[in-house]
C-alpha cells in the first residue's frame, strides 16, 4: 500500500503543478495585456498633451494679436471699420457694387 499512496501523492503534485502552471500563464497574459493597455493610454496622453500645448501656443498668439489690434490708433481703427462696413455690404449684395 505504501507504493500506491506514493503514486497518489505524485499524481496529486502533478495535478497541482499543472493547475499552478495554468494559473501562472493566465496571470502573466493578463499582466501583459494590462501593460499594453497602459502603453496605449500613455501614448494617447502624450498626443493630447502635444495638442494642448499647440492650442495653448495658438491662444497666446491670438491673445497677443488682439491686444495689438486694440492698441491701433483711432484713425486706422476708423478706416478699418469703414472697410469692414463696405465689405459687409458687398457680401450682402455681391452683384450690386463694383469695387
PDB file of N, CA and C in Angstrom:
ATOM      1  N   UNK A   1       0.781  -1.194   0.000  1.00  0.00           N
ATOM      2  CA  UNK A   1       0.000   0.000   0.000  1.00  0.00           C
ATOM      3  C   UNK A   1       0.827   1.265   0.000  1.00  0.00           C
ATOM      4  N   UNK A   2       1.984   1.232   0.451  1.00  0.00           N
ATOM      5  CA  UNK A   2       2.831   2.404   0.507  1.00  0.00           C
ATOM      6  C   UNK A   2       3.137   2.905  -0.897  1.00  0.00           C
ATOM      7  N   UNK A   3       3.336   1.999  -1.845  1.00  0.00           N
ATOM      8  CA  UNK A   3       3.632   2.389  -3.221  1.00  0.00           C
ATOM      9  C   UNK A   3       2.415   3.064  -3.838  1.00  0.00           C
ATOM     10  N   UNK A   4       1.233   2.577  -3.501  1.00  0.00           N
ATOM     11  CA  UNK A   4       0.009   3.158  -4.030  1.00  0.00           C
ATOM     12  C   UNK A   4      -0.194   4.576  -3.483  1.00  0.00           C
ATOM     13  N   UNK A   5       0.093   4.814  -2.231  1.00  0.00           N
ATOM     14  CA  UNK A   5      -0.016   6.139  -1.626  1.00  0.00           C
ATOM     15  C   UNK A   5       0.981   7.111  -2.255  1.00  0.00           C
ATOM     16  N   UNK A   6       2.188   6.592  -2.543  1.00  0.00           N
ATOM     17  CA  UNK A   6       3.207   7.430  -3.185  1.00  0.00           C
ATOM     18  C   UNK A   6       2.732   7.838  -4.576  1.00  0.00           C
ATOM     19  N   UNK A   7       2.147   6.910  -5.324  1.00  0.00           N
ATOM     20  CA  UNK A   7       1.639   7.223  -6.665  1.00  0.00           C
ATOM     21  C   UNK A   7       0.512   8.254  -6.589  1.00  0.00           C
ATOM     22  N   UNK A   8      -0.362   8.138  -5.599  1.00  0.00           N
ATOM     23  CA  UNK A   8      -1.437   9.115  -5.435  1.00  0.00           C
ATOM     24  C   UNK A   8      -0.869  10.496  -5.091  1.00  0.00           C
ATOM     25  N   UNK A   9       0.137  10.499  -4.238  1.00  0.00           N
ATOM     26  CA  UNK A   9       0.777  11.756  -3.867  1.00  0.00           C
ATOM     27  C   UNK A   9       1.444  12.389  -5.078  1.00  0.00           C
ATOM     28  N   UNK A  10       2.134  11.577  -5.883  1.00  0.00           N
ATOM     29  CA  UNK A  10       2.791  12.081  -7.103  1.00  0.00           C
ATOM     30  C   UNK A  10       1.741  12.619  -8.061  1.00  0.00           C
ATOM     31  N   UNK A  11       0.655  11.891  -8.245  1.00  0.00           N
ATOM     32  CA  UNK A  11      -0.420  12.364  -9.122  1.00  0.00           C
ATOM     33  C   UNK A  11      -1.011  13.682  -8.601  1.00  0.00           C
ATOM     34  N   UNK A  12      -1.188  13.741  -7.294  1.00  0.00           N
ATOM     35  CA  UNK A  12      -1.712  14.977  -6.696  1.00  0.00           C
ATOM     36  C   UNK A  12      -0.766  16.152  -6.993  1.00  0.00           C
ATOM     37  N   UNK A  13       0.536  15.935  -6.822  1.00  0.00           N
ATOM     38  CA  UNK A  13       1.509  17.003  -7.085  1.00  0.00           C
ATOM     39  C   UNK A  13       1.544  17.377  -8.564  1.00  0.00           C
ATOM     40  N   UNK A  14       1.433  16.387  -9.438  1.00  0.00           N
ATOM     41  CA  UNK A  14       1.400  16.681 -10.881  1.00  0.00           C
ATOM     42  C   UNK A  14       0.180  17.533 -11.217  1.00  0.00           C
ATOM     43  N   UNK A  15      -0.963  17.180 -10.664  1.00  0.00           N
ATOM     44  CA  UNK A  15      -2.187  17.949 -10.890  1.00  0.00           C
ATOM     45  C   UNK A  15      -2.031  19.364 -10.355  1.00  0.00           C
ATOM     46  N   UNK A  16      -1.453  19.473  -9.180  1.00  0.00           N
ATOM     47  CA  UNK A  16      -1.246  20.803  -8.579  1.00  0.00           C
ATOM     48  C   UNK A  16      -0.275  21.634  -9.411  1.00  0.00           C
ATOM     49  N   UNK A  17       0.779  21.015  -9.920  1.00  0.00           N
ATOM     50  CA  UNK A  17       1.754  21.718 -10.770  1.00  0.00           C
ATOM     51  C   UNK A  17       1.081  22.193 -12.051  1.00  0.00           C
ATOM     52  N   UNK A  18       0.248  21.360 -12.664  1.00  0.00           N
ATOM     53  CA  UNK A  18      -0.473  21.750 -13.879  1.00  0.00           C
ATOM     54  C   UNK A  18      -1.405  22.928 -13.607  1.00  0.00           C
ATOM     55  N   UNK A  19      -2.116  22.872 -12.490  1.00  0.00           N
ATOM     56  CA  UNK A  19      -3.030  23.956 -12.122  1.00  0.00           C
ATOM     57  C   UNK A  19      -2.271  25.262 -11.905  1.00  0.00           C
ATOM     58  N   UNK A  20      -1.175  25.169 -11.164  1.00  0.00           N
ATOM     59  CA  UNK A  20      -0.381  26.374 -10.889  1.00  0.00           C
ATOM     60  C   UNK A  20       0.265  26.927 -12.160  1.00  0.00           C
ATOM     61  N   UNK A  21       0.717  26.034 -13.042  1.00  0.00           N
ATOM     62  CA  UNK A  21       1.311  26.472 -14.309  1.00  0.00           C
ATOM     63  C   UNK A  21       0.270  27.191 -15.154  1.00  0.00           C
ATOM     64  N   UNK A  22      -0.940  26.648 -15.221  1.00  0.00           N
ATOM     65  CA  UNK A  22      -2.021  27.290 -15.976  1.00  0.00           C
ATOM     66  C   UNK A  22      -2.358  28.653 -15.375  1.00  0.00           C
ATOM     67  N   UNK A  23      -2.462  28.728 -14.060  1.00  0.00           N
ATOM     68  CA  UNK A  23      -2.768  29.985 -13.384  1.00  0.00           C
ATOM     69  C   UNK A  23      -1.673  31.020 -13.621  1.00  0.00           C
ATOM     70  N   UNK A  24      -0.415  30.576 -13.581  1.00  0.00           N
ATOM     71  CA  UNK A  24       0.702  31.488 -13.839  1.00  0.00           C
ATOM     72  C   UNK A  24       0.654  32.018 -15.267  1.00  0.00           C
ATOM     73  N   UNK A  25       0.342  31.141 -16.218  1.00  0.00           N
ATOM     74  CA  UNK A  25       0.249  31.554 -17.622  1.00  0.00           C
ATOM     75  C   UNK A  25      -0.865  32.590 -17.806  1.00  0.00           C
ATOM     76  N   UNK A  26      -2.019  32.338 -17.200  1.00  0.00           N
ATOM     77  CA  UNK A  26      -3.136  33.283 -17.307  1.00  0.00           C
ATOM     78  C   UNK A  26      -2.792  34.620 -16.665  1.00  0.00           C
ATOM     79  N   UNK A  27      -2.192  34.582 -15.498  1.00  0.00           N
ATOM     80  CA  UNK A  27      -1.820  35.813 -14.797  1.00  0.00           C
ATOM     81  C   UNK A  27      -0.787  36.603 -15.592  1.00  0.00           C
ATOM     82  N   UNK A  28       0.183  35.901 -16.157  1.00  0.00           N
ATOM     83  CA  UNK A  28       1.200  36.564 -16.976  1.00  0.00           C
ATOM     84  C   UNK A  28       0.564  37.223 -18.196  1.00  0.00           C
ATOM     85  N   UNK A  29      -0.359  36.518 -18.833  1.00  0.00           N
ATOM     86  CA  UNK A  29      -1.059  37.067 -20.000  1.00  0.00           C
ATOM     87  C   UNK A  29      -1.848  38.322 -19.609  1.00  0.00           C
ATOM     88  N   UNK A  30      -2.534  38.279 -18.477  1.00  0.00           N
ATOM     89  CA  UNK A  30      -3.295  39.444 -18.015  1.00  0.00           C
ATOM     90  C   UNK A  30      -2.377  40.631 -17.733  1.00  0.00           C
ATOM     91  N   UNK A  31      -1.212  40.369 -17.159  1.00  0.00           N
ATOM     92  CA  UNK A  31      -0.262  41.457 -16.882  1.00  0.00           C
ATOM     93  C   UNK A  31       0.261  42.064 -18.175  1.00  0.00           C
ATOM     94  N   UNK A  32       0.510  41.231 -19.171  1.00  0.00           N
ATOM     95  CA  UNK A  32       0.991  41.726 -20.468  1.00  0.00           C
ATOM     96  C   UNK A  32      -0.083  42.591 -21.119  1.00  0.00           C
ATOM     97  N   UNK A  33      -1.336  42.132 -21.071  1.00  0.00           N
ATOM     98  CA  UNK A  33      -2.433  42.923 -21.635  1.00  0.00           C
ATOM     99  C   UNK A  33      -2.566  44.262 -20.913  1.00  0.00           C
ATOM    100  N   UNK A  34      -2.446  44.249 -19.604  1.00  0.00           N
ATOM    101  CA  UNK A  34      -2.543  45.491 -18.832  1.00  0.00           C
ATOM    102  C   UNK A  34      -1.401  46.445 -19.194  1.00  0.00           C
ATOM    103  N   UNK A  35      -0.211  45.900 -19.384  1.00  0.00           N
ATOM    104  CA  UNK A  35       0.935  46.737 -19.762  1.00  0.00           C
ATOM    105  C   UNK A  35       0.730  47.335 -21.151  1.00  0.00           C
ATOM    106  N   UNK A  36       0.219  46.540 -22.091  1.00  0.00           N
ATOM    107  CA  UNK A  36      -0.035  47.050 -23.444  1.00  0.00           C
ATOM    108  C   UNK A  36      -1.089  48.144 -23.409  1.00  0.00           C
ATOM    109  N   UNK A  37      -2.139  47.938 -22.619  1.00  0.00           N
ATOM    110  CA  UNK A  37      -3.176  48.960 -22.484  1.00  0.00           C
ATOM    111  C   UNK A  37      -2.590  50.234 -21.875  1.00  0.00           C
ATOM    112  N   UNK A  38      -1.733  50.058 -20.877  1.00  0.00           N
ATOM    113  CA  UNK A  38      -1.084  51.210 -20.257  1.00  0.00           C
ATOM    114  C   UNK A  38      -0.254  52.004 -21.252  1.00  0.00           C
ATOM    115  N   UNK A  39       0.431  51.304 -22.158  1.00  0.00           N
ATOM    116  CA  UNK A  39       1.216  51.997 -23.188  1.00  0.00           C
ATOM    117  C   UNK A  39       0.321  52.781 -24.138  1.00  0.00           C
ATOM    118  N   UNK A  40      -0.807  52.192 -24.503  1.00  0.00           N
ATOM    119  CA  UNK A  40      -1.747  52.891 -25.378  1.00  0.00           C
ATOM    120  C   UNK A  40      -2.263  54.154 -24.699  1.00  0.00           C
ATOM    121  N   UNK A  41      -2.613  54.036 -23.433  1.00  0.00           N
ATOM    122  CA  UNK A  41      -3.104  55.196 -22.680  1.00  0.00           C
ATOM    123  C   UNK A  41      -2.014  56.262 -22.582  1.00  0.00           C
ATOM    124  N   UNK A  42      -0.788  55.847 -22.336  1.00  0.00           N
ATOM    125  CA  UNK A  42       0.323  56.792 -22.232  1.00  0.00           C
ATOM    126  C   UNK A  42       0.557  57.510 -23.555  1.00  0.00           C
ATOM    127  N   UNK A  43       0.517  56.778 -24.664  1.00  0.00           N
ATOM    128  CA  UNK A  43       0.697  57.397 -25.980  1.00  0.00           C
ATOM    129  C   UNK A  43      -0.418  58.397 -26.254  1.00  0.00           C
ATOM    130  N   UNK A  44      -1.651  58.033 -25.898  1.00  0.00           N
ATOM    131  CA  UNK A  44      -2.772  58.942 -26.101  1.00  0.00           C
ATOM    132  C   UNK A  44      -2.615  60.193 -25.239  1.00  0.00           C
ATOM    133  N   UNK A  45      -2.139  60.010 -24.023  1.00  0.00           N
ATOM    134  CA  UNK A  45      -1.915  61.157 -23.132  1.00  0.00           C
ATOM    135  C   UNK A  45      -0.868  62.097 -23.733  1.00  0.00           C
ATOM    136  N   UNK A  46       0.209  61.526 -24.270  1.00  0.00           N
ATOM    137  CA  UNK A  46       1.247  62.358 -24.874  1.00  0.00           C
ATOM    138  C   UNK A  46       0.714  63.120 -26.086  1.00  0.00           C
ATOM    139  N   UNK A  47      -0.103  62.450 -26.891  1.00  0.00           N
ATOM    140  CA  UNK A  47      -0.697  63.105 -28.058  1.00  0.00           C
ATOM    141  C   UNK A  47      -1.595  64.258 -27.614  1.00  0.00           C
ATOM    142  N   UNK A  48      -2.418  64.011 -26.610  1.00  0.00           N
ATOM    143  CA  UNK A  48      -3.299  65.065 -26.109  1.00  0.00           C
ATOM    144  C   UNK A  48      -2.506  66.219 -25.509  1.00  0.00           C
ATOM    145  N   UNK A  49      -1.409  65.913 -24.839  1.00  0.00           N
ATOM    146  CA  UNK A  49      -0.559  66.962 -24.265  1.00  0.00           C
ATOM    147  C   UNK A  49       0.042  67.828 -25.370  1.00  0.00           C
ATOM    148  N   UNK A  50       0.488  67.189 -26.451  1.00  0.00           N
ATOM    149  CA  UNK A  50       1.036  67.951 -27.576  1.00  0.00           C
ATOM    150  C   UNK A  50      -0.031  68.853 -28.192  1.00  0.00           C
ATOM    151  N   UNK A  51      -1.238  68.300 -28.387  1.00  0.00           N
ATOM    152  CA  UNK A  51      -2.328  69.106 -28.943  1.00  0.00           C
ATOM    153  C   UNK A  51      -2.659  70.264 -28.017  1.00  0.00           C
ATOM    154  N   UNK A  52      -2.683  70.000 -26.729  1.00  0.00           N
ATOM    155  CA  UNK A  52      -2.961  71.055 -25.758  1.00  0.00           C
ATOM    156  C   UNK A  52      -1.902  72.153 -25.834  1.00  0.00           C
ATOM    157  N   UNK A  53      -0.638  71.750 -25.889  1.00  0.00           N
ATOM    158  CA  UNK A  53       0.445  72.727 -25.963  1.00  0.00           C
ATOM    159  C   UNK A  53       0.333  73.576 -27.232  1.00  0.00           C
ATOM    160  N   UNK A  54      -0.011  72.928 -28.354  1.00  0.00           N
ATOM    161  CA  UNK A  54      -0.173  73.673 -29.608  1.00  0.00           C
ATOM    162  C   UNK A  54      -1.336  74.660 -29.511  1.00  0.00           C
ATOM    163  N   UNK A  55      -2.450  74.204 -28.957  1.00  0.00           N
ATOM    164  CA  UNK A  55      -3.608  75.088 -28.804  1.00  0.00           C
ATOM    165  C   UNK A  55      -3.309  76.243 -27.853  1.00  0.00           C
ATOM    166  N   UNK A  56      -2.566  75.952 -26.808  1.00  0.00           N
ATOM    167  CA  UNK A  56      -2.206  76.999 -25.859  1.00  0.00           C
ATOM    168  C   UNK A  56      -1.295  78.035 -26.531  1.00  0.00           C
ATOM    169  N   UNK A  57      -0.371  77.574 -27.366  1.00  0.00           N
ATOM    170  CA  UNK A  57       0.511  78.495 -28.090  1.00  0.00           C
ATOM    171  C   UNK A  57      -0.299  79.347 -29.070  1.00  0.00           C
ATOM    172  N   UNK A  58      -1.245  78.716 -29.780  1.00  0.00           N
ATOM    173  CA  UNK A  58      -2.111  79.468 -30.699  1.00  0.00           C
ATOM    174  C   UNK A  58      -2.926  80.506 -29.934  1.00  0.00           C
ATOM    175  N   UNK A  59      -3.450  80.103 -28.790  1.00  0.00           N
ATOM    176  CA  UNK A  59      -4.230  81.019 -27.964  1.00  0.00           C
ATOM    177  C   UNK A  59      -3.388  82.227 -27.549  1.00  0.00           C
ATOM    178  N   UNK A  60      -2.163  81.970 -27.112  1.00  0.00           N
ATOM    179  CA  UNK A  60      -1.286  83.061 -26.682  1.00  0.00           C
ATOM    180  C   UNK A  60      -0.996  84.015 -27.836  1.00  0.00           C
ATOM    181  N   UNK A  61      -0.757  83.455 -29.030  1.00  0.00           N
ATOM    182  CA  UNK A  61      -0.502  84.312 -30.199  1.00  0.00           C
ATOM    183  C   UNK A  61      -1.726  85.153 -30.538  1.00  0.00           C
ATOM    184  N   UNK A  62      -2.884  84.526 -30.550  1.00  0.00           N
ATOM    185  CA  UNK A  62      -4.110  85.260 -30.868  1.00  0.00           C
ATOM    186  C   UNK A  62      -4.421  86.318 -29.810  1.00  0.00           C
ATOM    187  N   UNK A  63      -4.165  85.991 -28.576  1.00  0.00           N
ATOM    188  CA  UNK A  63      -4.390  86.960 -27.500  1.00  0.00           C
ATOM    189  C   UNK A  63      -3.464  88.167 -27.681  1.00  0.00           C
ATOM    190  N   UNK A  64      -2.223  87.896 -28.046  1.00  0.00           N
ATOM    191  CA  UNK A  64      -1.278  88.984 -28.269  1.00  0.00           C
ATOM    192  C   UNK A  64      -1.698  89.826 -29.477  1.00  0.00           C
ATOM    193  N   UNK A  65      -2.150  89.165 -30.551  1.00  0.00           N
ATOM    194  CA  UNK A  65      -2.620  89.909 -31.729  1.00  0.00           C
ATOM    195  C   UNK A  65      -3.808  90.789 -31.371  1.00  0.00           C
ATOM    196  N   UNK A  66      -4.733  90.252 -30.584  1.00  0.00           N
ATOM    197  CA  UNK A  66      -5.896  91.027 -30.172  1.00  0.00           C
ATOM    198  C   UNK A  66      -5.473  92.247 -29.368  1.00  0.00           C
ATOM    199  N   UNK A  67      -4.539  92.065 -28.463  1.00  0.00           N
ATOM    200  CA  UNK A  67      -4.053  93.199 -27.674  1.00  0.00           C
ATOM    201  C   UNK A  67      -3.408  94.252 -28.575  1.00  0.00           C
ATOM    202  N   UNK A  68      -2.666  93.808 -29.580  1.00  0.00           N
ATOM    203  CA  UNK A  68      -2.038  94.751 -30.504  1.00  0.00           C
ATOM    204  C   UNK A  68      -3.091  95.480 -31.333  1.00  0.00           C
ATOM    205  N   UNK A  69      -4.125  94.760 -31.753  1.00  0.00           N
ATOM    206  CA  UNK A  69      -5.185  95.406 -32.537  1.00  0.00           C
ATOM    207  C   UNK A  69      -5.952  96.417 -31.698  1.00  0.00           C
ATOM    208  N   UNK A  70      -6.084  96.148 -30.437  1.00  0.00           N
ATOM    209  CA  UNK A  70      -6.779  97.098 -29.565  1.00  0.00           C
ATOM    210  C   UNK A  70      -5.969  98.377 -29.376  1.00  0.00           C
ATOM    211  N   UNK A  71      -4.677  98.308 -29.629  1.00  0.00           N
ATOM    212  CA  UNK A  71      -3.806  99.467 -29.477  1.00  0.00           C
ATOM    213  C   UNK A  71      -3.674 100.279 -30.769  1.00  0.00           C
ATOM    214  N   UNK A  72      -4.403  99.884 -31.831  1.00  0.00           N
ATOM    215  CA  UNK A  72      -4.320 100.595 -33.116  1.00  0.00           C
ATOM    216  C   UNK A  72      -4.856 102.012 -32.925  1.00  0.00           C
ATOM    217  N   UNK A  73      -4.165 103.001 -33.475  1.00  0.00           N
ATOM    218  CA  UNK A  73      -4.638 104.390 -33.345  1.00  0.00           C
ATOM    219  C   UNK A  73      -6.047 104.552 -33.926  1.00  0.00           C
ATOM    220  N   UNK A  74      -6.773 105.499 -33.404  1.00  0.00           N
ATOM    221  CA  UNK A  74      -8.173 105.720 -33.776  1.00  0.00           C
ATOM    222  C   UNK A  74      -8.391 105.923 -35.278  1.00  0.00           C
ATOM    223  N   UNK A  75      -7.598 106.734 -35.993  1.00  0.00           N
ATOM    224  CA  UNK A  75      -7.851 106.905 -37.435  1.00  0.00           C
ATOM    225  C   UNK A  75      -7.743 105.578 -38.199  1.00  0.00           C
ATOM    226  N   UNK A  76      -6.756 104.765 -37.856  1.00  0.00           N
ATOM    227  CA  UNK A  76      -6.632 103.470 -38.523  1.00  0.00           C
ATOM    228  C   UNK A  76      -7.812 102.582 -38.168  1.00  0.00           C
ATOM    229  N   UNK A  77      -8.262 102.696 -36.926  1.00  0.00           N
ATOM    230  CA  UNK A  77      -9.405 101.915 -36.485  1.00  0.00           C
ATOM    231  C   UNK A  77     -10.644 102.315 -37.272  1.00  0.00           C
ATOM    232  N   UNK A  78     -10.839 103.624 -37.499  1.00  0.00           N
ATOM    233  CA  UNK A  78     -11.992 104.099 -38.268  1.00  0.00           C
ATOM    234  C   UNK A  78     -11.905 103.611 -39.717  1.00  0.00           C
ATOM    235  N   UNK A  79     -10.706 103.659 -40.304  1.00  0.00           N
ATOM    236  CA  UNK A  79     -10.518 103.166 -41.667  1.00  0.00           C
ATOM    237  C   UNK A  79     -10.873 101.687 -41.743  1.00  0.00           C
ATOM    238  N   UNK A  80     -10.430 100.951 -40.760  1.00  0.00           N
ATOM    239  CA  UNK A  80     -10.723  99.520 -40.732  1.00  0.00           C
ATOM    240  C   UNK A  80     -12.226  99.291 -40.624  1.00  0.00           C
ATOM    241  N   UNK A  81     -12.900 100.069 -39.776  1.00  0.00           N
ATOM    242  CA  UNK A  81     -14.348  99.927 -39.614  1.00  0.00           C
ATOM    243  C   UNK A  81     -15.081 100.265 -40.911  1.00  0.00           C
ATOM    244  N   UNK A  82     -14.600 101.277 -41.625  1.00  0.00           N
ATOM    245  CA  UNK A  82     -15.217 101.641 -42.898  1.00  0.00           C
ATOM    246  C   UNK A  82     -15.044 100.522 -43.920  1.00  0.00           C
ATOM    247  N   UNK A  83     -13.852  99.953 -43.965  1.00  0.00           N
ATOM    248  CA  UNK A  83     -13.604  98.854 -44.903  1.00  0.00           C
ATOM    249  C   UNK A  83     -14.452  97.641 -44.554  1.00  0.00           C
ATOM    250  N   UNK A  84     -14.624  97.387 -43.285  1.00  0.00           N
ATOM    251  CA  UNK A  84     -15.449  96.256 -42.882  1.00  0.00           C
ATOM    252  C   UNK A  84     -16.906  96.494 -43.250  1.00  0.00           C
ATOM    253  N   UNK A  85     -17.388  97.717 -43.077  1.00  0.00           N
ATOM    254  CA  UNK A  85     -18.766  98.038 -43.447  1.00  0.00           C
ATOM    255  C   UNK A  85     -18.948  97.865 -44.956  1.00  0.00           C
ATOM    256  N   UNK A  86     -17.998  98.319 -45.750  1.00  0.00           N
ATOM    257  CA  UNK A  86     -18.061  98.165 -47.195  1.00  0.00           C
ATOM    258  C   UNK A  86     -18.029  96.687 -47.574  1.00  0.00           C
ATOM    259  N   UNK A  87     -17.201  95.958 -46.907  1.00  0.00           N
ATOM    260  CA  UNK A  87     -17.099  94.518 -47.182  1.00  0.00           C
ATOM    261  C   UNK A  87     -18.429  93.828 -46.868  1.00  0.00           C
ATOM    262  N   UNK A  88     -19.030  94.200 -45.745  1.00  0.00           N
ATOM    263  CA  UNK A  88     -20.320  93.597 -45.372  1.00  0.00           C
ATOM    264  C   UNK A  88     -21.386  93.904 -46.420  1.00  0.00           C
ATOM    265  N   UNK A  89     -21.356  95.126 -46.961  1.00  0.00           N
ATOM    266  CA  UNK A  89     -22.302  95.484 -47.995  1.00  0.00           C
ATOM    267  C   UNK A  89     -22.075  94.627 -49.243  1.00  0.00           C
ATOM    268  N   UNK A  90     -20.837  94.400 -49.569  1.00  0.00           N
ATOM    269  CA  UNK A  90     -20.517  93.582 -50.742  1.00  0.00           C
ATOM    270  C   UNK A  90     -20.956  92.133 -50.527  1.00  0.00           C
ATOM    271  N   UNK A  91     -20.803  91.652 -49.321  1.00  0.00           N
ATOM    272  CA  UNK A  91     -21.185  90.279 -49.031  1.00  0.00           C
ATOM    273  C   UNK A  91     -22.694  90.127 -49.109  1.00  0.00           C
ATOM    274  N   UNK A  92     -23.436  91.123 -48.598  1.00  0.00           N
ATOM    275  CA  UNK A  92     -24.897  91.050 -48.618  1.00  0.00           C
ATOM    276  C   UNK A  92     -25.441  91.208 -50.022  1.00  0.00           C
ATOM    277  N   UNK A  93     -24.749  91.997 -50.847  1.00  0.00           N
ATOM    278  CA  UNK A  93     -25.210  92.282 -52.210  1.00  0.00           C
ATOM    279  C   UNK A  93     -24.030  92.163 -53.152  1.00  0.00           C
ATOM    280  N   UNK A  94     -23.574  90.933 -53.473  1.00  0.00           N
ATOM    281  CA  UNK A  94     -22.332  90.763 -54.229  1.00  0.00           C
ATOM    282  C   UNK A  94     -22.366  91.355 -55.630  1.00  0.00           C
ATOM    283  N   UNK A  95     -23.486  91.365 -56.319  1.00  0.00           N
ATOM    284  CA  UNK A  95     -23.502  91.886 -57.685  1.00  0.00           C
ATOM    285  C   UNK A  95     -23.811  93.355 -57.763  1.00  0.00           C
ATOM    286  N   UNK A  96     -24.190  93.970 -56.655  1.00  0.00           N
ATOM    287  CA  UNK A  96     -24.645  95.352 -56.670  1.00  0.00           C
ATOM    288  C   UNK A  96     -23.560  96.387 -56.594  1.00  0.00           C
ATOM    289  N   UNK A  97     -22.328  96.028 -56.286  1.00  0.00           N
ATOM    290  CA  UNK A  97     -21.271  97.021 -56.136  1.00  0.00           C
ATOM    291  C   UNK A  97     -20.073  96.610 -56.969  1.00  0.00           C
ATOM    292  N   UNK A  98     -19.492  97.554 -57.631  1.00  0.00           N
ATOM    293  CA  UNK A  98     -18.235  97.332 -58.352  1.00  0.00           C
ATOM    294  C   UNK A  98     -17.120  98.015 -57.601  1.00  0.00           C
ATOM    295  N   UNK A  99     -16.179  97.228 -57.150  1.00  0.00           N
ATOM    296  CA  UNK A  99     -15.067  97.795 -56.386  1.00  0.00           C
ATOM    297  C   UNK A  99     -13.847  97.904 -57.261  1.00  0.00           C
TER     298      UNK A  99
END
